[in-house]
Amino acid sequence: MSPELIAILTIGVSLGGGQLATAVWVAGRFERVGNEMADLRQRLARLEGLLDGLREAISGWRETV
């Protein structure tokens, strides 16, 4: 094998490895963001429930859906 072919293959493998590492890193970040959004969704639902209870306690009015 010629030195040029070895250099081309080496660069191809290193670029492929870099792309793979980046893809794994991005996937981990998306998973973390998804988990944080799920946590925020739960916290917001709890807050909405507390506000509904407060409204009912103050006004005596209950919303029917």
Protein backbone atom coordinates (compact mmCIF):
# COMPACT_ATOMS: atom_id res chain seq x y z
CA MET A 1 0.00 0.00 0.00
CA SER A 2 1.24 3.42 -0.86
CA PRO A 3 1.78 6.10 1.79
CA GLU A 4 -0.93 8.23 0.16
CA LEU A 5 -3.53 5.47 0.50
CA ILE A 6 -2.56 4.88 4.14
CA ALA A 7 -2.92 8.62 4.84
CA ILE A 8 -6.33 8.74 3.15
CA LEU A 9 -7.59 5.71 5.10
CA THR A 10 -6.22 7.08 8.37
CA ILE A 11 -7.96 10.41 7.87
CA GLY A 12 -11.19 8.66 6.89
CA VAL A 13 -11.14 6.51 10.04
CA SER A 14 -10.36 9.49 12.28
CA LEU A 15 -13.16 11.59 10.75
CA GLY A 16 -15.60 8.70 11.10
CA GLY A 17 -14.61 8.27 14.75
CA GLY A 18 -15.11 11.96 15.37
CA GLN A 19 -18.56 11.86 13.80
CA LEU A 20 -19.52 8.84 15.89
CA ALA A 21 -18.32 10.49 19.11
CA THR A 22 -20.27 13.64 18.27
CA ALA A 23 -23.43 11.64 17.55
CA VAL A 24 -23.18 9.83 20.89
CA TRP A 25 -22.56 13.11 22.74
CA VAL A 26 -25.55 14.81 21.09
CA ALA A 27 -27.82 11.84 21.82
CA GLY A 28 -26.85 12.03 25.49
CA ARG A 29 -27.64 15.73 25.58
CA PHE A 30 -31.06 15.19 23.97
CA GLU A 31 -31.87 12.50 26.52
CA ARG A 32 -30.90 14.82 29.37
CA VAL A 33 -33.00 17.66 27.94
CA GLY A 34 -35.95 15.28 27.58
CA ASN A 35 -35.61 14.23 31.22
CA GLU A 36 -35.45 17.84 32.35
CA MET A 37 -38.57 18.69 30.34
CA ALA A 38 -40.43 15.76 31.89
CA ASP A 39 -39.43 17.03 35.34
CA LEU A 40 -40.64 20.53 34.48
CA ARG A 41 -43.92 19.11 33.17
CA GLN A 42 -44.52 17.33 36.49
CA ARG A 43 -43.64 20.42 38.51
CA LEU A 44 -45.95 22.60 36.41
CA ALA A 45 -48.83 20.13 36.82
CA ARG A 46 -48.32 20.19 40.59
CA LEU A 47 -48.30 24.00 40.59
CA GLU A 48 -51.48 24.12 38.50
CA GLY A 49 -53.17 21.77 40.97
CA LEU A 50 -52.12 23.94 43.90
CA LEU A 51 -53.43 27.07 42.18
CA ASP A 52 -56.74 25.38 41.40
CA GLY A 53 -57.07 24.39 45.06
CA LEU A 54 -56.22 27.91 46.18
CA ARG A 55 -58.81 29.39 43.82
CA GLU A 56 -61.46 27.02 45.13
CA ALA A 57 -60.55 27.78 48.76
CA ILE A 58 -60.71 31.55 48.23
CA SER A 59 -63.75 31.85 46.00
CA GLY A 60 -65.67 28.68 46.71
CA TRP A 61 -65.97 28.32 42.92
CA ARG A 62 -65.05 25.02 41.31
CA GLU A 63 -64.27 24.80 37.60
CA THR A 64 -66.09 22.01 35.75
CA VAL A 65 -64.47 20.64 32.66
